[in-house]
Amino acid sequence: MADKMEIDLVTSDGVHIKCDFYDDLKTETGVILIPMLGRTKETWASFAPMLREKGYKTIAIDPRGHGRSQLNWQSFTSKNFNDITNDIRAAKDYLSAHGSKKVAIIGASIGANLALKYAAMDSEVKTVVLLSPGIDFRGVKPVDAAKQMTRPFLIVASEEDAYSFESSEKLESYSAAEDTKFEELKGAGHGTEMLSDKKLPKLILSWLAKYVK
């Protein structure tokens, strides 16, 4: 297990969020990890050290309302969920302050939707990996972001996860990026559950090596 430390970030709209930061002082590349609805930064605990070992500064966030961060997602409106993009910005600013000039975002389920929405607004994000996105999760709708996103992004969904699988096909078709790839898995589950499929970590690391390094 790579060394990590828990940090407290304050977003532009004043919300305190907790994050796990896996540092690598020798690299200028960074990755932000966003969990599924109701899950926490700990769901990335097995994958984040793999990223660090490959030379990425890595920050896994508890989005507002989740884990040890402020607020409670169960009372959130669509606006509250969309405001999680402010949490991503805070994480990205932290990485930038610690020397990360090239940043990627990996999100799962609603975290995937939020990752794409944020990246479409921030041209400094080199690429995004979407694990089981949806056309509409709690009012977070990534279609417009896909149409605006000109940088590469990878989409992964499992065949039996019907809503995310169909959503992934649509997002791929809407993409404005020259390189968008939809990788299909089978029997792998939803979101971060798919990381138990040995193919997926290798696939993600290969994608990042191509577009972030």
C-alpha atoms as a PDB file:
ATOM      1  CA  MET A   1       0.000   0.000   0.000  1.00  0.00           C
ATOM      2  CA  ALA A   2       1.334   3.349  -0.994  1.00  0.00           C
ATOM      3  CA  ASP A   3       1.686   6.011   1.640  1.00  0.00           C
ATOM      4  CA  LYS A   4      -1.269   8.355   1.765  1.00  0.00           C
ATOM      5  CA  MET A   5      -2.517  11.217   3.862  1.00  0.00           C
ATOM      6  CA  GLU A   6      -6.000  12.557   4.410  1.00  0.00           C
ATOM      7  CA  ILE A   7      -6.365  16.204   3.543  1.00  0.00           C
ATOM      8  CA  ASP A   8      -9.160  18.738   4.015  1.00  0.00           C
ATOM      9  CA  LEU A   9      -9.989  21.021   1.094  1.00  0.00           C
ATOM     10  CA  VAL A  10     -12.359  23.976   1.032  1.00  0.00           C
ATOM     11  CA  THR A  11     -14.264  24.465  -2.222  1.00  0.00           C
ATOM     12  CA  SER A  12     -14.993  27.780  -3.927  1.00  0.00           C
ATOM     13  CA  ASP A  13     -18.495  27.694  -2.421  1.00  0.00           C
ATOM     14  CA  GLY A  14     -17.208  27.007   1.090  1.00  0.00           C
ATOM     15  CA  VAL A  15     -17.726  23.265   1.543  1.00  0.00           C
ATOM     16  CA  HIS A  16     -15.102  21.190   3.366  1.00  0.00           C
ATOM     17  CA  ILE A  17     -14.270  17.937   1.589  1.00  0.00           C
ATOM     18  CA  LYS A  18     -11.976  15.134   2.729  1.00  0.00           C
ATOM     19  CA  CYS A  19      -9.549  13.519   0.299  1.00  0.00           C
ATOM     20  CA  ASP A  20      -6.863  10.848   0.333  1.00  0.00           C
ATOM     21  CA  PHE A  21      -3.672  12.139  -1.289  1.00  0.00           C
ATOM     22  CA  TYR A  22      -1.129   9.669  -2.647  1.00  0.00           C
ATOM     23  CA  ASP A  23       1.937  11.740  -3.448  1.00  0.00           C
ATOM     24  CA  ASP A  24       4.825  11.217  -5.840  1.00  0.00           C
ATOM     25  CA  LEU A  25       7.255  14.111  -5.689  1.00  0.00           C
ATOM     26  CA  LYS A  26       8.995  13.182  -8.946  1.00  0.00           C
ATOM     27  CA  THR A  27       6.045  13.508 -11.298  1.00  0.00           C
ATOM     28  CA  GLU A  28       4.145  16.311 -12.994  1.00  0.00           C
ATOM     29  CA  THR A  29       1.117  14.114 -13.680  1.00  0.00           C
ATOM     30  CA  GLY A  30      -1.926  13.750 -11.447  1.00  0.00           C
ATOM     31  CA  VAL A  31      -5.183  11.802 -11.269  1.00  0.00           C
ATOM     32  CA  ILE A  32      -8.445  12.666  -9.487  1.00  0.00           C
ATOM     33  CA  LEU A  33     -10.723   9.789  -8.409  1.00  0.00           C
ATOM     34  CA  ILE A  34     -14.470  10.290  -7.863  1.00  0.00           C
ATOM     35  CA  PRO A  35     -16.618   7.519  -6.313  1.00  0.00           C
ATOM     36  CA  MET A  36     -20.154   6.337  -6.975  1.00  0.00           C
ATOM     37  CA  LEU A  37     -23.251   7.722  -5.277  1.00  0.00           C
ATOM     38  CA  GLY A  38     -23.211   6.990  -1.550  1.00  0.00           C
ATOM     39  CA  ARG A  39     -19.691   5.551  -1.674  1.00  0.00           C
ATOM     40  CA  THR A  40     -16.432   7.024  -0.419  1.00  0.00           C
ATOM     41  CA  LYS A  41     -12.820   7.604  -1.361  1.00  0.00           C
ATOM     42  CA  GLU A  42     -11.992   4.245   0.213  1.00  0.00           C
ATOM     43  CA  THR A  43     -13.536   2.449  -2.784  1.00  0.00           C
ATOM     44  CA  TRP A  44     -10.392   3.472  -4.688  1.00  0.00           C
ATOM     45  CA  ALA A  45      -8.032   2.090  -2.016  1.00  0.00           C
ATOM     46  CA  SER A  46      -6.833  -0.832  -4.123  1.00  0.00           C
ATOM     47  CA  PHE A  47      -6.464   1.106  -7.388  1.00  0.00           C
ATOM     48  CA  ALA A  48      -4.970   4.398  -6.166  1.00  0.00           C
ATOM     49  CA  PRO A  49      -1.650   2.788  -5.143  1.00  0.00           C
ATOM     50  CA  MET A  50      -1.364   1.324  -8.655  1.00  0.00           C
ATOM     51  CA  LEU A  51      -1.584   4.851 -10.033  1.00  0.00           C
ATOM     52  CA  ARG A  52       1.017   6.123  -7.591  1.00  0.00           C
ATOM     53  CA  GLU A  53       3.375   3.274  -8.467  1.00  0.00           C
ATOM     54  CA  LYS A  54       3.088   4.317 -12.116  1.00  0.00           C
ATOM     55  CA  GLY A  55       4.138   7.833 -11.202  1.00  0.00           C
ATOM     56  CA  TYR A  56       0.893   9.771 -10.755  1.00  0.00           C
ATOM     57  CA  LYS A  57       0.090  12.046  -7.859  1.00  0.00           C
ATOM     58  CA  THR A  58      -3.349  10.728  -6.960  1.00  0.00           C
ATOM     59  CA  ILE A  59      -6.201  12.285  -5.005  1.00  0.00           C
ATOM     60  CA  ALA A  60      -9.366  10.343  -4.144  1.00  0.00           C
ATOM     61  CA  ILE A  61     -12.196  12.553  -2.947  1.00  0.00           C
ATOM     62  CA  ASP A  62     -15.192  12.187  -0.680  1.00  0.00           C
ATOM     63  CA  PRO A  63     -17.552  14.445  -2.648  1.00  0.00           C
ATOM     64  CA  ARG A  64     -19.736  16.799  -0.634  1.00  0.00           C
ATOM     65  CA  GLY A  65     -22.401  14.828   1.193  1.00  0.00           C
ATOM     66  CA  HIS A  66     -20.295  11.664   1.159  1.00  0.00           C
ATOM     67  CA  GLY A  67     -18.015   9.968   3.668  1.00  0.00           C
ATOM     68  CA  ARG A  68     -16.240  12.416   5.954  1.00  0.00           C
ATOM     69  CA  SER A  69     -17.039  15.501   3.885  1.00  0.00           C
ATOM     70  CA  GLN A  70     -19.668  18.079   4.848  1.00  0.00           C
ATOM     71  CA  LEU A  71     -23.401  17.799   4.024  1.00  0.00           C
ATOM     72  CA  ASN A  72     -25.616  14.764   3.322  1.00  0.00           C
ATOM     73  CA  TRP A  73     -26.271  13.618  -0.245  1.00  0.00           C
ATOM     74  CA  GLN A  74     -29.629  12.069   0.693  1.00  0.00           C
ATOM     75  CA  SER A  75     -31.142  15.555   0.916  1.00  0.00           C
ATOM     76  CA  PHE A  76     -29.477  16.862  -2.268  1.00  0.00           C
ATOM     77  CA  THR A  77     -31.275  18.482  -5.186  1.00  0.00           C
ATOM     78  CA  SER A  78     -30.009  18.181  -8.752  1.00  0.00           C
ATOM     79  CA  LYS A  79     -28.185  21.480  -8.249  1.00  0.00           C
ATOM     80  CA  ASN A  80     -26.406  20.113  -5.177  1.00  0.00           C
ATOM     81  CA  PHE A  81     -25.193  17.102  -7.148  1.00  0.00           C
ATOM     82  CA  ASN A  82     -24.020  19.277 -10.032  1.00  0.00           C
ATOM     83  CA  ASP A  83     -22.164  21.488  -7.546  1.00  0.00           C
ATOM     84  CA  ILE A  84     -19.801  18.557  -6.913  1.00  0.00           C
ATOM     85  CA  THR A  85     -17.872  19.949  -9.890  1.00  0.00           C
ATOM     86  CA  ASN A  86     -16.618  22.522  -7.357  1.00  0.00           C
ATOM     87  CA  ASP A  87     -15.115  19.646  -5.348  1.00  0.00           C
ATOM     88  CA  ILE A  88     -13.322  18.395  -8.447  1.00  0.00           C
ATOM     89  CA  ARG A  89     -11.952  21.876  -9.070  1.00  0.00           C
ATOM     90  CA  ALA A  90     -10.624  22.043  -5.495  1.00  0.00           C
ATOM     91  CA  ALA A  91      -8.886  18.690  -5.960  1.00  0.00           C
ATOM     92  CA  LYS A  92      -7.421  19.781  -9.283  1.00  0.00           C
ATOM     93  CA  ASP A  93      -6.181  23.064  -7.785  1.00  0.00           C
ATOM     94  CA  TYR A  94      -4.508  21.081  -5.002  1.00  0.00           C
ATOM     95  CA  LEU A  95      -2.753  18.832  -7.515  1.00  0.00           C
ATOM     96  CA  SER A  96      -1.669  21.865  -9.527  1.00  0.00           C
ATOM     97  CA  ALA A  97      -0.255  23.485  -6.397  1.00  0.00           C
ATOM     98  CA  HIS A  98       1.756  20.324  -5.809  1.00  0.00           C
ATOM     99  CA  GLY A  99       3.298  20.288  -9.265  1.00  0.00           C
ATOM    100  CA  SER A 100       0.815  18.393 -11.415  1.00  0.00           C
ATOM    101  CA  LYS A 101       0.792  20.085 -14.805  1.00  0.00           C
ATOM    102  CA  LYS A 102      -1.071  17.232 -16.521  1.00  0.00           C
ATOM    103  CA  VAL A 103      -4.245  15.949 -14.884  1.00  0.00           C
ATOM    104  CA  ALA A 104      -6.723  13.166 -15.629  1.00  0.00           C
ATOM    105  CA  ILE A 105     -10.036  12.414 -13.905  1.00  0.00           C
ATOM    106  CA  ILE A 106     -11.530   8.978 -13.303  1.00  0.00           C
ATOM    107  CA  GLY A 107     -15.132   8.801 -12.107  1.00  0.00           C
ATOM    108  CA  ALA A 108     -17.587   6.001 -11.362  1.00  0.00           C
ATOM    109  CA  SER A 109     -21.344   6.145 -12.015  1.00  0.00           C
ATOM    110  CA  ILE A 110     -22.517   9.662 -11.052  1.00  0.00           C
ATOM    111  CA  GLY A 111     -18.824  10.395 -10.508  1.00  0.00           C
ATOM    112  CA  ALA A 112     -18.253   9.605 -14.182  1.00  0.00           C
ATOM    113  CA  ASN A 113     -20.938  12.092 -15.204  1.00  0.00           C
ATOM    114  CA  LEU A 114     -19.412  14.745 -12.972  1.00  0.00           C
ATOM    115  CA  ALA A 115     -15.900  14.034 -14.254  1.00  0.00           C
ATOM    116  CA  LEU A 116     -16.968  14.619 -17.848  1.00  0.00           C
ATOM    117  CA  LYS A 117     -18.944  17.753 -16.955  1.00  0.00           C
ATOM    118  CA  TYR A 118     -15.951  19.227 -15.167  1.00  0.00           C
ATOM    119  CA  ALA A 119     -13.454  18.300 -17.887  1.00  0.00           C
ATOM    120  CA  ALA A 120     -15.586  19.979 -20.542  1.00  0.00           C
ATOM    121  CA  MET A 121     -15.198  23.209 -18.553  1.00  0.00           C
ATOM    122  CA  ASP A 122     -11.464  22.912 -17.873  1.00  0.00           C
ATOM    123  CA  SER A 123      -9.165  22.547 -20.887  1.00  0.00           C
ATOM    124  CA  GLU A 124      -6.221  21.686 -18.642  1.00  0.00           C
ATOM    125  CA  VAL A 125      -7.704  18.213 -17.998  1.00  0.00           C
ATOM    126  CA  LYS A 126      -5.920  15.938 -20.473  1.00  0.00           C
ATOM    127  CA  THR A 127      -8.329  12.991 -20.433  1.00  0.00           C
ATOM    128  CA  VAL A 128     -11.222  11.405 -18.524  1.00  0.00           C
ATOM    129  CA  VAL A 129     -12.109   7.792 -17.746  1.00  0.00           C
ATOM    130  CA  LEU A 130     -15.822   7.121 -17.251  1.00  0.00           C
ATOM    131  CA  LEU A 131     -16.787   3.940 -15.396  1.00  0.00           C
ATOM    132  CA  SER A 132     -20.506   3.167 -15.874  1.00  0.00           C
ATOM    133  CA  PRO A 133     -21.786   6.655 -16.755  1.00  0.00           C
ATOM    134  CA  GLY A 134     -25.475   7.412 -17.240  1.00  0.00           C
ATOM    135  CA  ILE A 135     -27.375   9.824 -19.439  1.00  0.00           C
ATOM    136  CA  ASP A 136     -28.998  11.189 -16.267  1.00  0.00           C
ATOM    137  CA  PHE A 137     -27.916  10.358 -12.712  1.00  0.00           C
ATOM    138  CA  ARG A 138     -29.706  12.547 -10.125  1.00  0.00           C
ATOM    139  CA  GLY A 139     -29.934  15.412 -12.590  1.00  0.00           C
ATOM    140  CA  VAL A 140     -26.270  15.253 -13.604  1.00  0.00           C
ATOM    141  CA  LYS A 141     -26.523  14.977 -17.388  1.00  0.00           C
ATOM    142  CA  PRO A 142     -23.254  14.615 -19.345  1.00  0.00           C
ATOM    143  CA  VAL A 143     -24.550  14.730 -22.932  1.00  0.00           C
ATOM    144  CA  ASP A 144     -23.753  18.414 -23.507  1.00  0.00           C
ATOM    145  CA  ALA A 145     -20.322  17.867 -21.961  1.00  0.00           C
ATOM    146  CA  ALA A 146     -19.667  14.964 -24.353  1.00  0.00           C
ATOM    147  CA  LYS A 147     -20.585  17.190 -27.284  1.00  0.00           C
ATOM    148  CA  GLN A 148     -18.163  19.870 -26.034  1.00  0.00           C
ATOM    149  CA  MET A 149     -15.313  17.566 -25.010  1.00  0.00           C
ATOM    150  CA  THR A 150     -12.551  17.652 -27.631  1.00  0.00           C
ATOM    151  CA  ARG A 151      -9.922  15.814 -25.568  1.00  0.00           C
ATOM    152  CA  PRO A 152      -9.772  11.995 -25.456  1.00  0.00           C
ATOM    153  CA  PHE A 153     -11.945  10.044 -23.065  1.00  0.00           C
ATOM    154  CA  LEU A 154     -12.422   6.381 -22.257  1.00  0.00           C
ATOM    155  CA  ILE A 155     -15.810   4.879 -21.397  1.00  0.00           C
ATOM    156  CA  VAL A 156     -16.180   1.492 -19.702  1.00  0.00           C
ATOM    157  CA  ALA A 157     -19.414  -0.343 -18.896  1.00  0.00           C
ATOM    158  CA  SER A 158     -20.430  -3.939 -18.301  1.00  0.00           C
ATOM    159  CA  GLU A 159     -22.859  -5.543 -20.740  1.00  0.00           C
ATOM    160  CA  GLU A 160     -25.426  -6.610 -18.132  1.00  0.00           C
ATOM    161  CA  ASP A 161     -25.510  -3.104 -16.609  1.00  0.00           C
ATOM    162  CA  ALA A 162     -28.151  -2.098 -19.137  1.00  0.00           C
ATOM    163  CA  TYR A 163     -28.683   1.583 -18.351  1.00  0.00           C
ATOM    164  CA  SER A 164     -24.986   2.437 -18.148  1.00  0.00           C
ATOM    165  CA  PHE A 165     -24.178   0.291 -21.175  1.00  0.00           C
ATOM    166  CA  GLU A 166     -26.770   2.037 -23.341  1.00  0.00           C
ATOM    167  CA  SER A 167     -25.758   5.418 -21.922  1.00  0.00           C
ATOM    168  CA  SER A 168     -22.123   4.680 -22.759  1.00  0.00           C
ATOM    169  CA  GLU A 169     -22.992   3.900 -26.369  1.00  0.00           C
ATOM    170  CA  LYS A 170     -24.845   7.209 -26.618  1.00  0.00           C
ATOM    171  CA  LEU A 171     -22.072   9.235 -25.016  1.00  0.00           C
ATOM    172  CA  GLU A 172     -19.542   7.728 -27.404  1.00  0.00           C
ATOM    173  CA  SER A 173     -21.733   8.735 -30.339  1.00  0.00           C
ATOM    174  CA  TYR A 174     -22.101  12.292 -29.003  1.00  0.00           C
ATOM    175  CA  SER A 175     -18.377  12.790 -28.352  1.00  0.00           C
ATOM    176  CA  ALA A 176     -16.595  15.678 -30.041  1.00  0.00           C
ATOM    177  CA  ALA A 177     -13.199  14.147 -29.222  1.00  0.00           C
ATOM    178  CA  GLU A 178     -11.012  12.673 -31.927  1.00  0.00           C
ATOM    179  CA  ASP A 179     -10.271   9.683 -29.721  1.00  0.00           C
ATOM    180  CA  THR A 180     -13.157   8.299 -27.700  1.00  0.00           C
ATOM    181  CA  LYS A 181     -13.167   4.625 -26.834  1.00  0.00           C
ATOM    182  CA  PHE A 182     -16.002   2.546 -25.381  1.00  0.00           C
ATOM    183  CA  GLU A 183     -14.662  -0.608 -23.763  1.00  0.00           C
ATOM    184  CA  GLU A 184     -17.260  -3.304 -23.093  1.00  0.00           C
ATOM    185  CA  LEU A 185     -16.916  -5.721 -20.185  1.00  0.00           C
ATOM    186  CA  LYS A 186     -19.099  -8.682 -19.209  1.00  0.00           C
ATOM    187  CA  GLY A 187     -20.312  -9.648 -15.744  1.00  0.00           C
ATOM    188  CA  ALA A 188     -18.153  -6.968 -14.139  1.00  0.00           C
ATOM    189  CA  GLY A 189     -20.848  -5.012 -12.267  1.00  0.00           C
ATOM    190  CA  HIS A 190     -21.202  -1.253 -11.948  1.00  0.00           C
ATOM    191  CA  GLY A 191     -18.756   1.584 -11.390  1.00  0.00           C
ATOM    192  CA  THR A 192     -15.813   0.798  -9.111  1.00  0.00           C
ATOM    193  CA  GLU A 193     -17.067  -2.793  -8.796  1.00  0.00           C
ATOM    194  CA  MET A 194     -15.591  -3.317 -12.265  1.00  0.00           C
ATOM    195  CA  LEU A 195     -12.060  -2.803 -10.932  1.00  0.00           C
ATOM    196  CA  SER A 196     -12.195  -6.414  -9.730  1.00  0.00           C
ATOM    197  CA  ASP A 197     -11.995  -7.382 -13.408  1.00  0.00           C
ATOM    198  CA  LYS A 198      -8.236  -7.652 -13.926  1.00  0.00           C
ATOM    199  CA  LYS A 199      -8.508  -6.223 -17.427  1.00  0.00           C
ATOM    200  CA  LEU A 200      -9.803  -2.869 -16.257  1.00  0.00           C
ATOM    201  CA  PRO A 201      -6.862  -1.528 -14.209  1.00  0.00           C
ATOM    202  CA  LYS A 202      -4.511  -2.452 -17.063  1.00  0.00           C
ATOM    203  CA  LEU A 203      -6.798  -0.773 -19.570  1.00  0.00           C
ATOM    204  CA  ILE A 204      -6.965   2.442 -17.536  1.00  0.00           C
ATOM    205  CA  LEU A 205      -3.215   2.561 -16.931  1.00  0.00           C
ATOM    206  CA  SER A 206      -2.561   2.044 -20.632  1.00  0.00           C
ATOM    207  CA  TRP A 207      -4.965   4.856 -21.524  1.00  0.00           C
ATOM    208  CA  LEU A 208      -3.374   7.247 -19.035  1.00  0.00           C
ATOM    209  CA  ALA A 209       0.111   6.383 -20.269  1.00  0.00           C
ATOM    210  CA  LYS A 210      -0.987   7.399 -23.763  1.00  0.00           C
ATOM    211  CA  TYR A 211      -2.715  10.654 -22.925  1.00  0.00           C
ATOM    212  CA  VAL A 212      -1.304  11.998 -19.660  1.00  0.00           C
ATOM    213  CA  LYS A 213       2.357  11.028 -19.537  1.00  0.00           C
END
